[in-house]
């Protein structure tokens, strides 16, 4: 497995990489321990994630939390996607602008960080990718609640594997919370996590709507706004009305609530 991405990071972010590497090594050992119930090849295929370069220099630090990786066992999630965003402009042979999951993440993060009120003022995902992870471009953090890769070859979530990985990661020691605390996000956007959202830390609801629920999250001494919305790969959801507007509204409500 690959603990960290082979990407150049600025010097001020390298201490965070050390913290993540130490956490990931202990996380892997936890998965590889005989009593975990995982086969060796499954544990060895663990997929780690974290933050892209210049994340800690962003005006708003955004952390996306998804479910699981697909078909990249033993790789580092960030390495694979950084190349897809900045160079290939394709994910799994699909053009980046047409890949709902990744295009939505890039455009929504850009709109939040650069405070774009209108969706049409946000560049296409392929354009955002040109400077992604550079000093002059966008960056964000990403993690999955399951660090085990879905190697089925299909697109349906492997619920059994997700549940197993999540259970191992949040039992006697909550590795997920420790990763969040290292990343220190201002805004966390989760993708329809259901009951698993409770394992991220202490939650206090701010506002609820059909499209997004928002909370204050206290996680290992770090506080952030958490917005739980639809999964970004949902085919029938609309980028503006189901994602961007509700997410921006939730952020504005949290900022107003923090001044009361």
Protein backbone atom coordinates (compact mmCIF):
# COMPACT_ATOMS: atom_id res chain seq x y z
CA UNK A 1 0.00 0.00 0.00
CA UNK A 2 1.03 3.64 -0.46
CA UNK A 3 0.69 5.77 2.65
CA UNK A 4 1.23 9.18 1.05
CA UNK A 5 0.92 10.61 -2.47
CA UNK A 6 4.06 11.22 -4.55
CA UNK A 7 3.18 14.86 -5.10
CA UNK A 8 5.22 17.96 -4.26
CA UNK A 9 3.93 19.78 -1.18
CA UNK A 10 5.02 23.17 0.20
CA UNK A 11 7.27 23.05 3.24
CA UNK A 12 4.59 24.35 5.61
CA UNK A 13 2.40 21.31 4.89
CA UNK A 14 5.06 18.62 5.34
CA UNK A 15 4.55 18.30 9.13
CA UNK A 16 0.91 17.42 8.42
CA UNK A 17 2.07 14.74 6.00
CA UNK A 18 4.22 13.25 8.76
CA UNK A 19 1.20 13.14 11.08
CA UNK A 20 -0.91 11.47 8.41
CA UNK A 21 1.77 8.92 7.57
CA UNK A 22 2.11 7.94 11.22
CA UNK A 23 -1.67 7.64 11.53
CA UNK A 24 -1.96 5.60 8.33
CA UNK A 25 0.79 3.18 9.37
CA UNK A 26 -1.03 2.51 12.64
CA UNK A 27 -4.35 2.26 10.77
CA UNK A 28 -2.90 -0.36 8.44
CA UNK A 29 -1.48 -2.35 11.34
CA UNK A 30 -4.95 -2.31 12.91
CA UNK A 31 -6.46 -3.71 9.69
CA UNK A 32 -3.66 -6.25 9.21
CA UNK A 33 -3.87 -7.64 12.73
CA UNK A 34 -5.10 -11.28 12.62
CA UNK A 35 -8.14 -10.58 14.82
CA UNK A 36 -9.45 -7.95 12.37
CA UNK A 37 -11.07 -10.67 10.30
CA UNK A 38 -9.68 -9.30 7.03
CA UNK A 39 -7.79 -11.45 4.56
CA UNK A 40 -4.19 -10.31 4.08
CA UNK A 41 -4.68 -9.27 0.47
CA UNK A 42 -7.70 -7.17 1.45
CA UNK A 43 -5.83 -5.41 4.27
CA UNK A 44 -2.80 -4.89 2.01
CA UNK A 45 -5.05 -3.21 -0.55
CA UNK A 46 -5.90 -0.38 1.85
CA UNK A 47 -6.33 2.99 0.09
CA UNK A 48 -5.26 6.08 1.99
CA UNK A 49 -6.26 9.67 1.24
CA UNK A 50 -5.82 13.09 2.89
CA UNK A 51 -5.22 16.54 1.38
CA UNK A 52 -3.94 17.91 -1.91
CA UNK A 53 -1.02 20.39 -2.02
CA UNK A 54 -1.73 23.94 -0.80
CA UNK A 55 -4.88 22.86 1.02
CA UNK A 56 -3.75 24.61 4.20
CA UNK A 57 -3.30 27.86 2.27
CA UNK A 58 -6.93 28.01 1.13
CA UNK A 59 -9.25 30.75 2.36
CA UNK A 60 -11.71 28.01 3.34
CA UNK A 61 -10.42 24.50 3.93
CA UNK A 62 -12.96 22.05 2.53
CA UNK A 63 -12.98 18.35 3.31
CA UNK A 64 -15.16 16.01 1.26
CA UNK A 65 -16.05 12.65 2.80
CA UNK A 66 -17.24 9.84 0.54
CA UNK A 67 -17.84 6.12 0.92
CA UNK A 68 -15.14 4.03 -0.79
CA UNK A 69 -12.56 3.97 -3.57
CA UNK A 70 -13.10 1.89 -6.71
CA UNK A 71 -10.48 -0.29 -8.36
CA UNK A 72 -7.36 1.31 -6.88
CA UNK A 73 -6.32 -1.19 -4.21
CA UNK A 74 -2.82 -0.49 -2.84
CA UNK A 75 -2.67 2.94 -4.50
CA UNK A 76 -2.96 6.31 -2.81
CA UNK A 77 -6.28 7.95 -3.66
CA UNK A 78 -4.79 11.41 -4.01
CA UNK A 79 -2.04 10.30 -6.37
CA UNK A 80 -4.53 8.74 -8.76
CA UNK A 81 -6.98 11.66 -8.75
CA UNK A 82 -4.38 14.44 -8.79
CA UNK A 83 -3.15 13.12 -12.13
CA UNK A 84 -6.73 12.78 -13.37
CA UNK A 85 -7.56 16.38 -12.44
CA UNK A 86 -4.40 18.19 -13.49
CA UNK A 87 -3.07 16.17 -16.44
CA UNK A 88 -5.30 13.46 -17.90
CA UNK A 89 -8.60 15.34 -17.41
CA UNK A 90 -10.24 11.91 -17.36
CA UNK A 91 -11.42 9.59 -14.57
CA UNK A 92 -11.85 5.91 -15.43
CA UNK A 93 -11.84 6.75 -19.15
CA UNK A 94 -14.61 9.32 -18.68
CA UNK A 95 -13.92 12.96 -19.48
CA UNK A 96 -13.57 14.95 -16.27
CA UNK A 97 -16.30 17.46 -17.11
CA UNK A 98 -18.77 14.59 -17.59
CA UNK A 99 -17.84 12.71 -14.44
CA UNK A 100 -20.53 13.87 -12.00
CA UNK A 101 -18.73 12.89 -8.80
CA UNK A 102 -15.41 14.61 -9.45
CA UNK A 103 -16.67 17.51 -11.58
CA UNK A 104 -19.17 18.43 -8.87
CA UNK A 105 -16.49 18.33 -6.16
CA UNK A 106 -14.13 20.54 -8.13
CA UNK A 107 -16.76 23.10 -9.11
CA UNK A 108 -18.48 23.24 -5.71
CA UNK A 109 -15.17 23.64 -3.87
CA UNK A 110 -14.11 26.37 -6.30
CA UNK A 111 -17.37 28.24 -5.85
CA UNK A 112 -17.09 28.12 -2.05
CA UNK A 113 -13.42 29.09 -1.84
CA UNK A 114 -13.69 31.88 -4.41
CA UNK A 115 -17.15 32.97 -3.23
CA UNK A 116 -19.00 32.64 -6.51
CA UNK A 117 -22.69 33.32 -6.10
CA UNK A 118 -23.68 32.01 -9.52
CA UNK A 119 -22.95 28.48 -10.74
CA UNK A 120 -22.33 29.78 -14.27
CA UNK A 121 -19.44 31.89 -12.95
CA UNK A 122 -17.57 28.75 -11.87
CA UNK A 123 -15.12 27.36 -14.47
CA UNK A 124 -15.46 23.87 -15.87
CA UNK A 125 -13.78 21.09 -13.91
CA UNK A 126 -11.11 20.66 -16.59
CA UNK A 127 -10.17 24.34 -16.33
CA UNK A 128 -10.02 24.19 -12.53
CA UNK A 129 -7.73 21.18 -12.91
CA UNK A 130 -5.12 23.22 -14.79
CA UNK A 131 -3.90 24.89 -11.58
CA UNK A 132 -5.30 22.39 -9.08
CA UNK A 133 -3.00 21.77 -6.13
CA UNK A 134 -0.70 24.68 -6.96
CA UNK A 135 0.01 27.91 -5.09
CA UNK A 136 -2.31 29.82 -7.45
CA UNK A 137 -5.06 27.23 -7.69
CA UNK A 138 -7.76 25.38 -5.81
CA UNK A 139 -7.09 22.62 -3.30
CA UNK A 140 -9.17 20.59 -0.89
CA UNK A 141 -9.03 17.46 1.24
CA UNK A 142 -10.76 14.16 0.58
CA UNK A 143 -11.30 10.99 2.58
CA UNK A 144 -13.50 7.91 2.44
CA UNK A 145 -15.16 6.34 5.48
CA UNK A 146 -13.91 3.01 4.13
CA UNK A 147 -10.22 2.68 3.39
CA UNK A 148 -10.82 -0.59 1.50
CA UNK A 149 -11.12 -0.47 -2.28
CA UNK A 150 -14.16 -1.87 -4.06
CA UNK A 151 -12.59 -4.28 -6.53
CA UNK A 152 -15.83 -5.77 -7.84
CA UNK A 153 -15.50 -4.04 -11.21
CA UNK A 154 -18.98 -2.53 -10.89
CA UNK A 155 -20.26 0.82 -9.62
CA UNK A 156 -22.55 -0.43 -6.86
CA UNK A 157 -21.26 0.22 -3.35
CA UNK A 158 -19.88 -2.80 -1.51
CA UNK A 159 -21.93 -2.27 1.66
CA UNK A 160 -20.50 -5.32 3.41
CA UNK A 161 -16.92 -4.16 2.87
CA UNK A 162 -17.78 -0.56 3.81
CA UNK A 163 -19.44 -1.68 7.04
CA UNK A 164 -16.47 -3.90 7.93
CA UNK A 165 -13.90 -1.16 7.28
CA UNK A 166 -15.97 1.44 9.11
CA UNK A 167 -16.42 -0.84 12.12
CA UNK A 168 -12.67 -1.52 12.32
CA UNK A 169 -11.90 2.20 11.95
CA UNK A 170 -14.23 3.41 14.70
CA UNK A 171 -14.05 0.73 17.37
CA UNK A 172 -11.61 0.90 20.26
CA UNK A 173 -9.85 3.72 18.43
CA UNK A 174 -11.56 6.16 16.05
CA UNK A 175 -9.06 6.60 13.22
CA UNK A 176 -11.56 8.57 11.13
CA UNK A 177 -11.88 11.26 13.77
CA UNK A 178 -8.10 11.42 14.10
CA UNK A 179 -7.72 12.01 10.38
CA UNK A 180 -10.33 14.78 10.42
CA UNK A 181 -8.54 16.46 13.35
CA UNK A 182 -5.23 16.42 11.45
CA UNK A 183 -6.89 17.95 8.37
CA UNK A 184 -8.51 20.77 10.39
CA UNK A 185 -11.20 21.62 7.84
CA UNK A 186 -13.41 24.69 8.08
CA UNK A 187 -16.20 22.99 6.08
CA UNK A 188 -16.88 19.26 5.80
CA UNK A 189 -19.21 18.05 3.04
CA UNK A 190 -20.36 14.47 3.49
CA UNK A 191 -22.20 12.47 0.86
CA UNK A 192 -25.35 10.92 2.33
CA UNK A 193 -23.51 9.05 5.09
CA UNK A 194 -26.64 8.04 6.97
CA UNK A 195 -26.00 6.72 10.47
CA UNK A 196 -22.24 6.65 9.89
CA UNK A 197 -22.19 10.41 10.29
CA UNK A 198 -22.47 9.89 14.05
CA UNK A 199 -19.00 8.33 14.11
CA UNK A 200 -17.34 11.55 12.92
CA UNK A 201 -17.64 13.33 16.29
CA UNK A 202 -20.11 15.26 18.41
CA UNK A 203 -22.86 16.80 16.27
CA UNK A 204 -25.14 19.75 16.97
CA UNK A 205 -27.74 20.46 14.29
CA UNK A 206 -27.82 23.94 12.74
CA UNK A 207 -30.39 23.55 9.98
CA UNK A 208 -32.18 20.82 8.03
CA UNK A 209 -33.62 20.81 4.51
CA UNK A 210 -34.51 18.21 1.89
CA UNK A 211 -31.18 18.73 0.13
CA UNK A 212 -28.75 19.25 3.01
CA UNK A 213 -28.50 18.98 6.78
CA UNK A 214 -25.91 21.10 8.55
CA UNK A 215 -24.25 20.64 11.93
CA UNK A 216 -21.48 21.87 14.15
CA UNK A 217 -19.00 19.03 14.42
CA UNK A 218 -16.59 18.75 17.34
CA UNK A 219 -13.96 16.17 16.52
CA UNK A 220 -10.95 15.50 18.78
CA UNK A 221 -10.80 19.14 19.78
CA UNK A 222 -11.42 20.52 16.27
CA UNK A 223 -14.65 22.30 15.33
CA UNK A 224 -16.04 22.53 11.80
CA UNK A 225 -19.29 22.99 9.93
CA UNK A 226 -20.54 19.67 8.56
CA UNK A 227 -23.01 19.56 5.69
CA UNK A 228 -24.49 16.20 4.77
CA UNK A 229 -25.98 16.15 1.28
CA UNK A 230 -26.74 13.80 -1.60
CA UNK A 231 -24.01 11.56 -2.95
CA UNK A 232 -22.19 13.45 -5.67
CA UNK A 233 -22.63 10.64 -8.20
CA UNK A 234 -26.45 10.77 -8.03
CA UNK A 235 -27.66 10.91 -11.62
CA UNK A 236 -31.02 12.59 -11.16
CA UNK A 237 -29.85 15.39 -8.89
CA UNK A 238 -29.22 18.87 -10.26
CA UNK A 239 -25.89 20.60 -9.63
CA UNK A 240 -27.42 23.98 -8.74
CA UNK A 241 -30.68 23.24 -6.88
CA UNK A 242 -29.70 19.98 -5.18
CA UNK A 243 -26.07 20.76 -4.32
CA UNK A 244 -24.57 24.19 -4.80
CA UNK A 245 -27.37 26.45 -3.55
CA UNK A 246 -28.24 24.30 -0.48
CA UNK A 247 -24.55 23.89 0.45
CA UNK A 248 -23.85 27.63 0.15
CA UNK A 249 -27.01 28.37 2.13
CA UNK A 250 -25.90 25.98 4.88
CA UNK A 251 -22.49 27.66 5.06
CA UNK A 252 -24.09 31.11 5.29
CA UNK A 253 -26.43 29.92 8.05
CA UNK A 254 -23.50 28.48 10.01
CA UNK A 255 -21.57 31.73 9.68
CA UNK A 256 -24.59 33.68 10.90
CA UNK A 257 -25.09 31.25 13.79
CA UNK A 258 -21.45 31.57 14.87
CA UNK A 259 -21.94 35.30 15.54
CA UNK A 260 -24.98 34.84 17.83
